[in-house]
Amino acid sequence: MLTVSLFLGVYLAGTRVEQGDAVMQAQFDLMKLSYACSDPLYRTKRDSVRRWVRKFDTDTTFKDEDVSSLDSGLKNATTRLSKPINKGDCITLLTEAQAKVDQLFEEFSR
């Protein structure tokens, strides 16, 4: 019985980290999109991602250094979105990206 409990705990912990990483990846994608769209709230989003990293702590493999690295990469133009965007679509894209973050966080919180 102890062995079953141990395996179940390890499995659930792994799943929790995977879910946490999915939330954080969505946050990073939102941060990249925000920067690409010249969003005036980019710094707010960046700081929010830093708070999320601290909040998730052991539930994600992402670290504060990853946020700093992404921020530097965006500012130095060494990190970009995987696909070019039409700046006219930014409001819609940012709304969709935020909805994805919210959905993943809701799933994570269950």
PDB file of N, CA and C in Angstrom:
ATOM      1  N   MET A   1       0.823  -1.188   0.000  1.00  0.00           N
ATOM      2  CA  MET A   1       0.000   0.000   0.000  1.00  0.00           C
ATOM      3  C   MET A   1       0.873   1.260   0.000  1.00  0.00           C
ATOM      4  N   LEU A   2       1.945   1.227   0.770  1.00  0.00           N
ATOM      5  CA  LEU A   2       2.854   2.365   0.820  1.00  0.00           C
ATOM      6  C   LEU A   2       3.487   2.600  -0.550  1.00  0.00           C
ATOM      7  N   THR A   3       3.836   1.517  -1.236  1.00  0.00           N
ATOM      8  CA  THR A   3       4.443   1.632  -2.558  1.00  0.00           C
ATOM      9  C   THR A   3       3.476   2.284  -3.539  1.00  0.00           C
ATOM     10  N   VAL A   4       2.216   1.880  -3.494  1.00  0.00           N
ATOM     11  CA  VAL A   4       1.203   2.462  -4.374  1.00  0.00           C
ATOM     12  C   VAL A   4       1.049   3.951  -4.084  1.00  0.00           C
ATOM     13  N   SER A   5       1.013   4.306  -2.820  1.00  0.00           N
ATOM     14  CA  SER A   5       0.897   5.717  -2.438  1.00  0.00           C
ATOM     15  C   SER A   5       2.103   6.515  -2.915  1.00  0.00           C
ATOM     16  N   LEU A   6       3.277   5.931  -2.800  1.00  0.00           N
ATOM     17  CA  LEU A   6       4.501   6.597  -3.238  1.00  0.00           C
ATOM     18  C   LEU A   6       4.482   6.832  -4.742  1.00  0.00           C
ATOM     19  N   PHE A   7       4.129   5.792  -5.511  1.00  0.00           N
ATOM     20  CA  PHE A   7       4.077   5.932  -6.967  1.00  0.00           C
ATOM     21  C   PHE A   7       3.018   6.947  -7.387  1.00  0.00           C
ATOM     22  N   LEU A   8       1.871   6.927  -6.726  1.00  0.00           N
ATOM     23  CA  LEU A   8       0.815   7.877  -7.038  1.00  0.00           C
ATOM     24  C   LEU A   8       1.277   9.304  -6.737  1.00  0.00           C
ATOM     25  N   GLY A   9       1.967   9.493  -5.633  1.00  0.00           N
ATOM     26  CA  GLY A   9       2.487  10.812  -5.284  1.00  0.00           C
ATOM     27  C   GLY A   9       3.492  11.319  -6.305  1.00  0.00           C
ATOM     28  N   VAL A  10       4.389  10.449  -6.748  1.00  0.00           N
ATOM     29  CA  VAL A  10       5.389  10.824  -7.753  1.00  0.00           C
ATOM     30  C   VAL A  10       4.704  11.153  -9.073  1.00  0.00           C
ATOM     31  N   TYR A  11       3.707  10.341  -9.461  1.00  0.00           N
ATOM     32  CA  TYR A  11       2.982  10.581 -10.707  1.00  0.00           C
ATOM     33  C   TYR A  11       2.265  11.927 -10.663  1.00  0.00           C
ATOM     34  N   LEU A  12       1.551  12.182  -9.581  1.00  0.00           N
ATOM     35  CA  LEU A  12       0.809  13.435  -9.467  1.00  0.00           C
ATOM     36  C   LEU A  12       1.742  14.634  -9.421  1.00  0.00           C
ATOM     37  N   ALA A  13       2.884  14.488  -8.773  1.00  0.00           N
ATOM     38  CA  ALA A  13       3.857  15.583  -8.728  1.00  0.00           C
ATOM     39  C   ALA A  13       4.372  15.879 -10.129  1.00  0.00           C
ATOM     40  N   GLY A  14       4.666  14.822 -10.910  1.00  0.00           N
ATOM     41  CA  GLY A  14       5.122  15.011 -12.282  1.00  0.00           C
ATOM     42  C   GLY A  14       4.072  15.701 -13.120  1.00  0.00           C
ATOM     43  N   THR A  15       2.830  15.286 -12.967  1.00  0.00           N
ATOM     44  CA  THR A  15       1.738  15.898 -13.701  1.00  0.00           C
ATOM     45  C   THR A  15       1.580  17.359 -13.293  1.00  0.00           C
ATOM     46  N   ARG A  16       1.721  17.638 -12.039  1.00  0.00           N
ATOM     47  CA  ARG A  16       1.586  19.010 -11.526  1.00  0.00           C
ATOM     48  C   ARG A  16       2.665  19.915 -12.137  1.00  0.00           C
ATOM     49  N   VAL A  17       3.889  19.422 -12.223  1.00  0.00           N
ATOM     50  CA  VAL A  17       4.971  20.204 -12.828  1.00  0.00           C
ATOM     51  C   VAL A  17       4.690  20.419 -14.312  1.00  0.00           C
ATOM     52  N   GLU A  18       4.206  19.388 -14.991  1.00  0.00           N
ATOM     53  CA  GLU A  18       3.876  19.536 -16.412  1.00  0.00           C
ATOM     54  C   GLU A  18       2.787  20.585 -16.607  1.00  0.00           C
ATOM     55  N   GLN A  19       1.780  20.564 -15.745  1.00  0.00           N
ATOM     56  CA  GLN A  19       0.716  21.570 -15.834  1.00  0.00           C
ATOM     57  C   GLN A  19       1.259  22.960 -15.506  1.00  0.00           C
ATOM     58  N   GLY A  20       2.106  23.046 -14.498  1.00  0.00           N
ATOM     59  CA  GLY A  20       2.720  24.327 -14.151  1.00  0.00           C
ATOM     60  C   GLY A  20       3.572  24.865 -15.287  1.00  0.00           C
ATOM     61  N   ASP A  21       4.318  23.977 -15.936  1.00  0.00           N
ATOM     62  CA  ASP A  21       5.133  24.388 -17.080  1.00  0.00           C
ATOM     63  C   ASP A  21       4.265  24.868 -18.240  1.00  0.00           C
ATOM     64  N   ALA A  22       3.120  24.228 -18.446  1.00  0.00           N
ATOM     65  CA  ALA A  22       2.211  24.652 -19.515  1.00  0.00           C
ATOM     66  C   ALA A  22       1.690  26.063 -19.239  1.00  0.00           C
ATOM     67  N   VAL A  23       1.342  26.333 -17.991  1.00  0.00           N
ATOM     68  CA  VAL A  23       0.882  27.677 -17.617  1.00  0.00           C
ATOM     69  C   VAL A  23       2.006  28.683 -17.846  1.00  0.00           C
ATOM     70  N   MET A  24       3.207  28.337 -17.405  1.00  0.00           N
ATOM     71  CA  MET A  24       4.327  29.266 -17.543  1.00  0.00           C
ATOM     72  C   MET A  24       4.696  29.482 -19.010  1.00  0.00           C
ATOM     73  N   GLN A  25       4.642  28.427 -19.828  1.00  0.00           N
ATOM     74  CA  GLN A  25       4.944  28.592 -21.251  1.00  0.00           C
ATOM     75  C   GLN A  25       3.927  29.533 -21.891  1.00  0.00           C
ATOM     76  N   ALA A  26       2.665  29.394 -21.517  1.00  0.00           N
ATOM     77  CA  ALA A  26       1.636  30.303 -22.033  1.00  0.00           C
ATOM     78  C   ALA A  26       1.918  31.735 -21.574  1.00  0.00           C
ATOM     79  N   GLN A  27       2.394  31.893 -20.341  1.00  0.00           N
ATOM     80  CA  GLN A  27       2.763  33.223 -19.832  1.00  0.00           C
ATOM     81  C   GLN A  27       3.928  33.803 -20.647  1.00  0.00           C
ATOM     82  N   PHE A  28       4.921  32.961 -20.951  1.00  0.00           N
ATOM     83  CA  PHE A  28       6.066  33.418 -21.739  1.00  0.00           C
ATOM     84  C   PHE A  28       5.616  33.803 -23.147  1.00  0.00           C
ATOM     85  N   ASP A  29       4.715  33.021 -23.739  1.00  0.00           N
ATOM     86  CA  ASP A  29       4.194  33.347 -25.067  1.00  0.00           C
ATOM     87  C   ASP A  29       3.454  34.682 -25.037  1.00  0.00           C
ATOM     88  N   LEU A  30       2.676  34.911 -23.980  1.00  0.00           N
ATOM     89  CA  LEU A  30       1.965  36.181 -23.821  1.00  0.00           C
ATOM     90  C   LEU A  30       2.965  37.329 -23.674  1.00  0.00           C
ATOM     91  N   MET A  31       4.027  37.094 -22.942  1.00  0.00           N
ATOM     92  CA  MET A  31       5.054  38.119 -22.750  1.00  0.00           C
ATOM     93  C   MET A  31       5.711  38.470 -24.093  1.00  0.00           C
ATOM     94  N   LYS A  32       6.039  37.448 -24.893  1.00  0.00           N
ATOM     95  CA  LYS A  32       6.641  37.693 -26.213  1.00  0.00           C
ATOM     96  C   LYS A  32       5.683  38.472 -27.112  1.00  0.00           C
ATOM     97  N   LEU A  33       4.434  38.051 -27.118  1.00  0.00           N
ATOM     98  CA  LEU A  33       3.427  38.717 -27.938  1.00  0.00           C
ATOM     99  C   LEU A  33       3.239  40.165 -27.487  1.00  0.00           C
ATOM    100  N   SER A  34       3.206  40.385 -26.200  1.00  0.00           N
ATOM    101  CA  SER A  34       3.060  41.725 -25.651  1.00  0.00           C
ATOM    102  C   SER A  34       4.202  42.624 -26.123  1.00  0.00           C
ATOM    103  N   TYR A  35       5.412  42.104 -26.109  1.00  0.00           N
ATOM    104  CA  TYR A  35       6.563  42.889 -26.551  1.00  0.00           C
ATOM    105  C   TYR A  35       6.474  43.171 -28.051  1.00  0.00           C
ATOM    106  N   ALA A  36       6.133  42.134 -28.833  1.00  0.00           N
ATOM    107  CA  ALA A  36       6.046  42.283 -30.288  1.00  0.00           C
ATOM    108  C   ALA A  36       4.965  43.288 -30.685  1.00  0.00           C
ATOM    109  N   CYS A  37       3.925  43.379 -29.883  1.00  0.00           N
ATOM    110  CA  CYS A  37       2.818  44.298 -30.170  1.00  0.00           C
ATOM    111  C   CYS A  37       3.050  45.690 -29.594  1.00  0.00           C
ATOM    112  N   SER A  38       4.220  45.926 -29.027  1.00  0.00           N
ATOM    113  CA  SER A  38       4.521  47.211 -28.380  1.00  0.00           C
ATOM    114  C   SER A  38       3.451  47.567 -27.354  1.00  0.00           C
ATOM    115  N   ASP A  39       3.003  46.547 -26.642  1.00  0.00           N
ATOM    116  CA  ASP A  39       1.977  46.704 -25.613  1.00  0.00           C
ATOM    117  C   ASP A  39       2.498  47.621 -24.510  1.00  0.00           C
ATOM    118  N   PRO A  40       1.764  48.697 -24.197  1.00  0.00           N
ATOM    119  CA  PRO A  40       2.222  49.585 -23.125  1.00  0.00           C
ATOM    120  C   PRO A  40       2.242  48.897 -21.757  1.00  0.00           C
ATOM    121  N   LEU A  41       1.588  47.740 -21.663  1.00  0.00           N
ATOM    122  CA  LEU A  41       1.569  46.996 -20.400  1.00  0.00           C
ATOM    123  C   LEU A  41       2.617  45.877 -20.367  1.00  0.00           C
ATOM    124  N   TYR A  42       3.589  45.919 -21.282  1.00  0.00           N
ATOM    125  CA  TYR A  42       4.609  44.864 -21.334  1.00  0.00           C
ATOM    126  C   TYR A  42       5.311  44.692 -19.988  1.00  0.00           C
ATOM    127  N   ARG A  43       5.760  45.773 -19.390  1.00  0.00           N
ATOM    128  CA  ARG A  43       6.486  45.670 -18.110  1.00  0.00           C
ATOM    129  C   ARG A  43       5.608  45.065 -17.020  1.00  0.00           C
ATOM    130  N   THR A  44       4.346  45.425 -17.032  1.00  0.00           N
ATOM    131  CA  THR A  44       3.407  44.857 -16.064  1.00  0.00           C
ATOM    132  C   THR A  44       3.286  43.356 -16.272  1.00  0.00           C
ATOM    133  N   LYS A  45       3.190  42.937 -17.530  1.00  0.00           N
ATOM    134  CA  LYS A  45       3.100  41.504 -17.836  1.00  0.00           C
ATOM    135  C   LYS A  45       4.388  40.782 -17.426  1.00  0.00           C
ATOM    136  N   ARG A  46       5.536  41.398 -17.717  1.00  0.00           N
ATOM    137  CA  ARG A  46       6.820  40.802 -17.335  1.00  0.00           C
ATOM    138  C   ARG A  46       6.898  40.618 -15.819  1.00  0.00           C
ATOM    139  N   ASP A  47       6.522  41.635 -15.087  1.00  0.00           N
ATOM    140  CA  ASP A  47       6.555  41.545 -13.625  1.00  0.00           C
ATOM    141  C   ASP A  47       5.558  40.510 -13.113  1.00  0.00           C
ATOM    142  N   SER A  48       4.437  40.397 -13.789  1.00  0.00           N
ATOM    143  CA  SER A  48       3.442  39.386 -13.429  1.00  0.00           C
ATOM    144  C   SER A  48       4.003  37.983 -13.639  1.00  0.00           C
ATOM    145  N   VAL A  49       4.716  37.785 -14.743  1.00  0.00           N
ATOM    146  CA  VAL A  49       5.326  36.473 -15.006  1.00  0.00           C
ATOM    147  C   VAL A  49       6.335  36.147 -13.910  1.00  0.00           C
ATOM    148  N   ARG A  50       7.092  37.128 -13.481  1.00  0.00           N
ATOM    149  CA  ARG A  50       8.041  36.901 -12.373  1.00  0.00           C
ATOM    150  C   ARG A  50       7.312  36.461 -11.105  1.00  0.00           C
ATOM    151  N   ARG A  51       6.190  37.105 -10.820  1.00  0.00           N
ATOM    152  CA  ARG A  51       5.404  36.706  -9.637  1.00  0.00           C
ATOM    153  C   ARG A  51       4.857  35.288  -9.800  1.00  0.00           C
ATOM    154  N   TRP A  52       4.429  34.945 -11.007  1.00  0.00           N
ATOM    155  CA  TRP A  52       3.918  33.589 -11.260  1.00  0.00           C
ATOM    156  C   TRP A  52       5.016  32.557 -11.027  1.00  0.00           C
ATOM    157  N   VAL A  53       6.220  32.848 -11.491  1.00  0.00           N
ATOM    158  CA  VAL A  53       7.337  31.910 -11.305  1.00  0.00           C
ATOM    159  C   VAL A  53       7.557  31.665  -9.817  1.00  0.00           C
ATOM    160  N   ARG A  54       7.544  32.718  -9.036  1.00  0.00           N
ATOM    161  CA  ARG A  54       7.728  32.564  -7.580  1.00  0.00           C
ATOM    162  C   ARG A  54       6.553  31.828  -6.947  1.00  0.00           C
ATOM    163  N   LYS A  55       5.356  32.117  -7.423  1.00  0.00           N
ATOM    164  CA  LYS A  55       4.154  31.479  -6.879  1.00  0.00           C
ATOM    165  C   LYS A  55       4.151  29.976  -7.167  1.00  0.00           C
ATOM    166  N   PHE A  56       4.559  29.602  -8.375  1.00  0.00           N
ATOM    167  CA  PHE A  56       4.542  28.193  -8.767  1.00  0.00           C
ATOM    168  C   PHE A  56       5.721  27.427  -8.181  1.00  0.00           C
ATOM    169  N   ASP A  57       6.794  28.116  -7.859  1.00  0.00           N
ATOM    170  CA  ASP A  57       7.986  27.579  -7.205  1.00  0.00           C
ATOM    171  C   ASP A  57       8.301  26.137  -7.597  1.00  0.00           C
ATOM    172  N   THR A  58       7.817  25.159  -6.839  1.00  0.00           N
ATOM    173  CA  THR A  58       8.154  23.754  -7.097  1.00  0.00           C
ATOM    174  C   THR A  58       7.237  23.109  -8.126  1.00  0.00           C
ATOM    175  N   ASP A  59       6.238  23.841  -8.610  1.00  0.00           N
ATOM    176  CA  ASP A  59       5.300  23.283  -9.583  1.00  0.00           C
ATOM    177  C   ASP A  59       5.664  23.641 -11.016  1.00  0.00           C
ATOM    178  N   THR A  60       6.881  24.111 -11.237  1.00  0.00           N
ATOM    179  CA  THR A  60       7.339  24.427 -12.586  1.00  0.00           C
ATOM    180  C   THR A  60       8.860  24.326 -12.646  1.00  0.00           C
ATOM    181  N   THR A  61       9.363  24.098 -13.844  1.00  0.00           N
ATOM    182  CA  THR A  61      10.813  24.092 -14.038  1.00  0.00           C
ATOM    183  C   THR A  61      11.318  25.484 -14.427  1.00  0.00           C
ATOM    184  N   PHE A  62      10.409  26.423 -14.674  1.00  0.00           N
ATOM    185  CA  PHE A  62      10.789  27.784 -15.030  1.00  0.00           C
ATOM    186  C   PHE A  62      11.305  28.521 -13.796  1.00  0.00           C
ATOM    187  N   LYS A  63      12.304  29.346 -14.011  1.00  0.00           N
ATOM    188  CA  LYS A  63      12.930  30.117 -12.930  1.00  0.00           C
ATOM    189  C   LYS A  63      12.922  31.606 -13.283  1.00  0.00           C
ATOM    190  N   ASP A  64      13.195  32.430 -12.296  1.00  0.00           N
ATOM    191  CA  ASP A  64      13.239  33.877 -12.503  1.00  0.00           C
ATOM    192  C   ASP A  64      14.288  34.251 -13.554  1.00  0.00           C
ATOM    193  N   GLU A  65      15.365  33.480 -13.608  1.00  0.00           N
ATOM    194  CA  GLU A  65      16.413  33.739 -14.605  1.00  0.00           C
ATOM    195  C   GLU A  65      15.869  33.573 -16.019  1.00  0.00           C
ATOM    196  N   ASP A  66      14.904  32.654 -16.198  1.00  0.00           N
ATOM    197  CA  ASP A  66      14.299  32.453 -17.518  1.00  0.00           C
ATOM    198  C   ASP A  66      13.522  33.698 -17.946  1.00  0.00           C
ATOM    199  N   VAL A  67      12.859  34.330 -16.999  1.00  0.00           N
ATOM    200  CA  VAL A  67      12.118  35.560 -17.293  1.00  0.00           C
ATOM    201  C   VAL A  67      13.100  36.661 -17.677  1.00  0.00           C
ATOM    202  N   SER A  68      14.168  36.802 -16.918  1.00  0.00           N
ATOM    203  CA  SER A  68      15.183  37.821 -17.218  1.00  0.00           C
ATOM    204  C   SER A  68      15.825  37.570 -18.570  1.00  0.00           C
ATOM    205  N   SER A  69      16.110  36.315 -18.858  1.00  0.00           N
ATOM    206  CA  SER A  69      16.717  35.953 -20.135  1.00  0.00           C
ATOM    207  C   SER A  69      15.776  36.273 -21.301  1.00  0.00           C
ATOM    208  N   LEU A  70      14.501  35.938 -21.143  1.00  0.00           N
ATOM    209  CA  LEU A  70      13.530  36.249 -22.191  1.00  0.00           C
ATOM    210  C   LEU A  70      13.406  37.753 -22.372  1.00  0.00           C
ATOM    211  N   ASP A  71      13.332  38.489 -21.285  1.00  0.00           N
ATOM    212  CA  ASP A  71      13.233  39.947 -21.352  1.00  0.00           C
ATOM    213  C   ASP A  71      14.431  40.532 -22.094  1.00  0.00           C
ATOM    214  N   SER A  72      15.622  40.075 -21.757  1.00  0.00           N
ATOM    215  CA  SER A  72      16.834  40.560 -22.440  1.00  0.00           C
ATOM    216  C   SER A  72      16.823  40.175 -23.910  1.00  0.00           C
ATOM    217  N   GLY A  73      16.425  38.945 -24.189  1.00  0.00           N
ATOM    218  CA  GLY A  73      16.367  38.481 -25.574  1.00  0.00           C
ATOM    219  C   GLY A  73      15.395  39.293 -26.414  1.00  0.00           C
ATOM    220  N   LEU A  74      14.269  39.638 -25.837  1.00  0.00           N
ATOM    221  CA  LEU A  74      13.297  40.461 -26.563  1.00  0.00           C
ATOM    222  C   LEU A  74      13.853  41.856 -26.816  1.00  0.00           C
ATOM    223  N   LYS A  75      14.478  42.440 -25.807  1.00  0.00           N
ATOM    224  CA  LYS A  75      15.023  43.791 -25.950  1.00  0.00           C
ATOM    225  C   LYS A  75      16.201  43.837 -26.917  1.00  0.00           C
ATOM    226  N   ASN A  76      16.986  42.755 -26.976  1.00  0.00           N
ATOM    227  CA  ASN A  76      18.148  42.699 -27.865  1.00  0.00           C
ATOM    228  C   ASN A  76      17.813  42.113 -29.229  1.00  0.00           C
ATOM    229  N   ALA A  77      16.540  41.793 -29.447  1.00  0.00           N
ATOM    230  CA  ALA A  77      16.046  41.220 -30.707  1.00  0.00           C
ATOM    231  C   ALA A  77      16.668  39.864 -31.030  1.00  0.00           C
ATOM    232  N   THR A  78      17.103  39.129 -30.007  1.00  0.00           N
ATOM    233  CA  THR A  78      17.609  37.771 -30.232  1.00  0.00           C
ATOM    234  C   THR A  78      16.510  36.737 -30.017  1.00  0.00           C
ATOM    235  N   THR A  79      15.408  37.156 -29.418  1.00  0.00           N
ATOM    236  CA  THR A  79      14.246  36.294 -29.212  1.00  0.00           C
ATOM    237  C   THR A  79      13.061  36.954 -29.894  1.00  0.00           C
ATOM    238  N   ARG A  80      12.340  36.148 -30.674  1.00  0.00           N
ATOM    239  CA  ARG A  80      11.183  36.679 -31.393  1.00  0.00           C
ATOM    240  C   ARG A  80      10.061  35.666 -31.367  1.00  0.00           C
ATOM    241  N   LEU A  81       8.912  36.107 -31.825  1.00  0.00           N
ATOM    242  CA  LEU A  81       7.787  35.190 -31.976  1.00  0.00           C
ATOM    243  C   LEU A  81       8.121  34.168 -33.054  1.00  0.00           C
ATOM    244  N   SER A  82       7.532  32.994 -32.956  1.00  0.00           N
ATOM    245  CA  SER A  82       7.805  31.953 -33.945  1.00  0.00           C
ATOM    246  C   SER A  82       7.196  32.298 -35.301  1.00  0.00           C
ATOM    247  N   LYS A  83       6.130  33.112 -35.308  1.00  0.00           N
ATOM    248  CA  LYS A  83       5.488  33.529 -36.558  1.00  0.00           C
ATOM    249  C   LYS A  83       5.336  35.045 -36.546  1.00  0.00           C
ATOM    250  N   PRO A  84       5.506  35.667 -37.710  1.00  0.00           N
ATOM    251  CA  PRO A  84       5.273  37.111 -37.763  1.00  0.00           C
ATOM    252  C   PRO A  84       3.787  37.420 -37.521  1.00  0.00           C
ATOM    253  N   ILE A  85       3.524  38.594 -36.988  1.00  0.00           N
ATOM    254  CA  ILE A  85       2.137  38.980 -36.718  1.00  0.00           C
ATOM    255  C   ILE A  85       1.798  40.267 -37.449  1.00  0.00           C
ATOM    256  N   ASN A  86       0.521  40.451 -37.675  1.00  0.00           N
ATOM    257  CA  ASN A  86       0.011  41.703 -38.206  1.00  0.00           C
ATOM    258  C   ASN A  86      -0.322  42.565 -36.990  1.00  0.00           C
ATOM    259  N   LYS A  87       0.320  43.703 -36.865  1.00  0.00           N
ATOM    260  CA  LYS A  87       0.114  44.553 -35.678  1.00  0.00           C
ATOM    261  C   LYS A  87      -1.351  44.948 -35.495  1.00  0.00           C
ATOM    262  N   GLY A  88      -2.119  44.942 -36.575  1.00  0.00           N
ATOM    263  CA  GLY A  88      -3.542  45.254 -36.473  1.00  0.00           C
ATOM    264  C   GLY A  88      -4.325  44.188 -35.725  1.00  0.00           C
ATOM    265  N   ASP A  89      -3.731  42.998 -35.600  1.00  0.00           N
ATOM    266  CA  ASP A  89      -4.389  41.888 -34.906  1.00  0.00           C
ATOM    267  C   ASP A  89      -3.972  41.780 -33.443  1.00  0.00           C
ATOM    268  N   CYS A  90      -3.162  42.696 -32.979  1.00  0.00           N
ATOM    269  CA  CYS A  90      -2.579  42.571 -31.639  1.00  0.00           C
ATOM    270  C   CYS A  90      -3.610  42.472 -30.520  1.00  0.00           C
ATOM    271  N   ILE A  91      -4.643  43.279 -30.563  1.00  0.00           N
ATOM    272  CA  ILE A  91      -5.626  43.243 -29.475  1.00  0.00           C
ATOM    273  C   ILE A  91      -6.270  41.864 -29.395  1.00  0.00           C
ATOM    274  N   THR A  92      -6.649  41.331 -30.549  1.00  0.00           N
ATOM    275  CA  THR A  92      -7.257  39.995 -30.582  1.00  0.00           C
ATOM    276  C   THR A  92      -6.267  38.940 -30.118  1.00  0.00           C
ATOM    277  N   LEU A  93      -5.040  39.007 -30.610  1.00  0.00           N
ATOM    278  CA  LEU A  93      -4.022  38.017 -30.243  1.00  0.00           C
ATOM    279  C   LEU A  93      -3.699  38.066 -28.753  1.00  0.00           C
ATOM    280  N   LEU A  94      -3.585  39.260 -28.204  1.00  0.00           N
ATOM    281  CA  LEU A  94      -3.309  39.396 -26.770  1.00  0.00           C
ATOM    282  C   LEU A  94      -4.472  38.864 -25.930  1.00  0.00           C
ATOM    283  N   THR A  95      -5.687  39.130 -26.379  1.00  0.00           N
ATOM    284  CA  THR A  95      -6.870  38.634 -25.665  1.00  0.00           C
ATOM    285  C   THR A  95      -6.908  37.112 -25.684  1.00  0.00           C
ATOM    286  N   GLU A  96      -6.626  36.515 -26.855  1.00  0.00           N
ATOM    287  CA  GLU A  96      -6.611  35.050 -26.971  1.00  0.00           C
ATOM    288  C   GLU A  96      -5.501  34.439 -26.120  1.00  0.00           C
ATOM    289  N   ALA A  97      -4.333  35.068 -26.123  1.00  0.00           N
ATOM    290  CA  ALA A  97      -3.208  34.551 -25.337  1.00  0.00           C
ATOM    291  C   ALA A  97      -3.515  34.615 -23.842  1.00  0.00           C
ATOM    292  N   GLN A  98      -4.147  35.697 -23.406  1.00  0.00           N
ATOM    293  CA  GLN A  98      -4.517  35.816 -21.993  1.00  0.00           C
ATOM    294  C   GLN A  98      -5.579  34.783 -21.633  1.00  0.00           C
ATOM    295  N   ALA A  99      -6.513  34.526 -22.546  1.00  0.00           N
ATOM    296  CA  ALA A  99      -7.549  33.512 -22.305  1.00  0.00           C
ATOM    297  C   ALA A  99      -6.918  32.130 -22.159  1.00  0.00           C
ATOM    298  N   LYS A 100      -5.875  31.868 -22.952  1.00  0.00           N
ATOM    299  CA  LYS A 100      -5.181  30.578 -22.848  1.00  0.00           C
ATOM    300  C   LYS A 100      -4.502  30.445 -21.487  1.00  0.00           C
ATOM    301  N   VAL A 101      -3.849  31.502 -21.044  1.00  0.00           N
ATOM    302  CA  VAL A 101      -3.214  31.494 -19.720  1.00  0.00           C
ATOM    303  C   VAL A 101      -4.264  31.221 -18.646  1.00  0.00           C
ATOM    304  N   ASP A 102      -5.378  31.927 -18.735  1.00  0.00           N
ATOM    305  CA  ASP A 102      -6.446  31.766 -17.740  1.00  0.00           C
ATOM    306  C   ASP A 102      -6.996  30.343 -17.728  1.00  0.00           C
ATOM    307  N   GLN A 103      -7.192  29.771 -18.924  1.00  0.00           N
ATOM    308  CA  GLN A 103      -7.718  28.402 -19.022  1.00  0.00           C
ATOM    309  C   GLN A 103      -6.739  27.396 -18.422  1.00  0.00           C
ATOM    310  N   LEU A 104      -5.466  27.516 -18.775  1.00  0.00           N
ATOM    311  CA  LEU A 104      -4.460  26.592 -18.249  1.00  0.00           C
ATOM    312  C   LEU A 104      -4.322  26.732 -16.735  1.00  0.00           C
ATOM    313  N   PHE A 105      -4.396  27.959 -16.238  1.00  0.00           N
ATOM    314  CA  PHE A 105      -4.311  28.160 -14.792  1.00  0.00           C
ATOM    315  C   PHE A 105      -5.512  27.531 -14.089  1.00  0.00           C
ATOM    316  N   GLU A 106      -6.685  27.661 -14.698  1.00  0.00           N
ATOM    317  CA  GLU A 106      -7.886  27.052 -14.114  1.00  0.00           C
ATOM    318  C   GLU A 106      -7.733  25.532 -14.045  1.00  0.00           C
ATOM    319  N   GLU A 107      -7.207  24.927 -15.119  1.00  0.00           N
ATOM    320  CA  GLU A 107      -6.976  23.477 -15.127  1.00  0.00           C
ATOM    321  C   GLU A 107      -5.934  23.097 -14.078  1.00  0.00           C
ATOM    322  N   PHE A 108      -4.907  23.901 -13.945  1.00  0.00           N
ATOM    323  CA  PHE A 108      -3.850  23.656 -12.969  1.00  0.00           C
ATOM    324  C   PHE A 108      -4.399  23.704 -11.545  1.00  0.00           C
ATOM    325  N   SER A 109      -5.330  24.617 -11.313  1.00  0.00           N
ATOM    326  CA  SER A 109      -5.864  24.840  -9.965  1.00  0.00           C
ATOM    327  C   SER A 109      -6.848  23.769  -9.500  1.00  0.00           C
ATOM    328  N   ARG A 110      -7.287  22.940 -10.400  1.00  0.00           N
ATOM    329  CA  ARG A 110      -8.270  21.905 -10.016  1.00  0.00           C
ATOM    330  C   ARG A 110      -7.659  20.852  -9.154  1.00  0.00           C
TER     331      ARG A 110
END
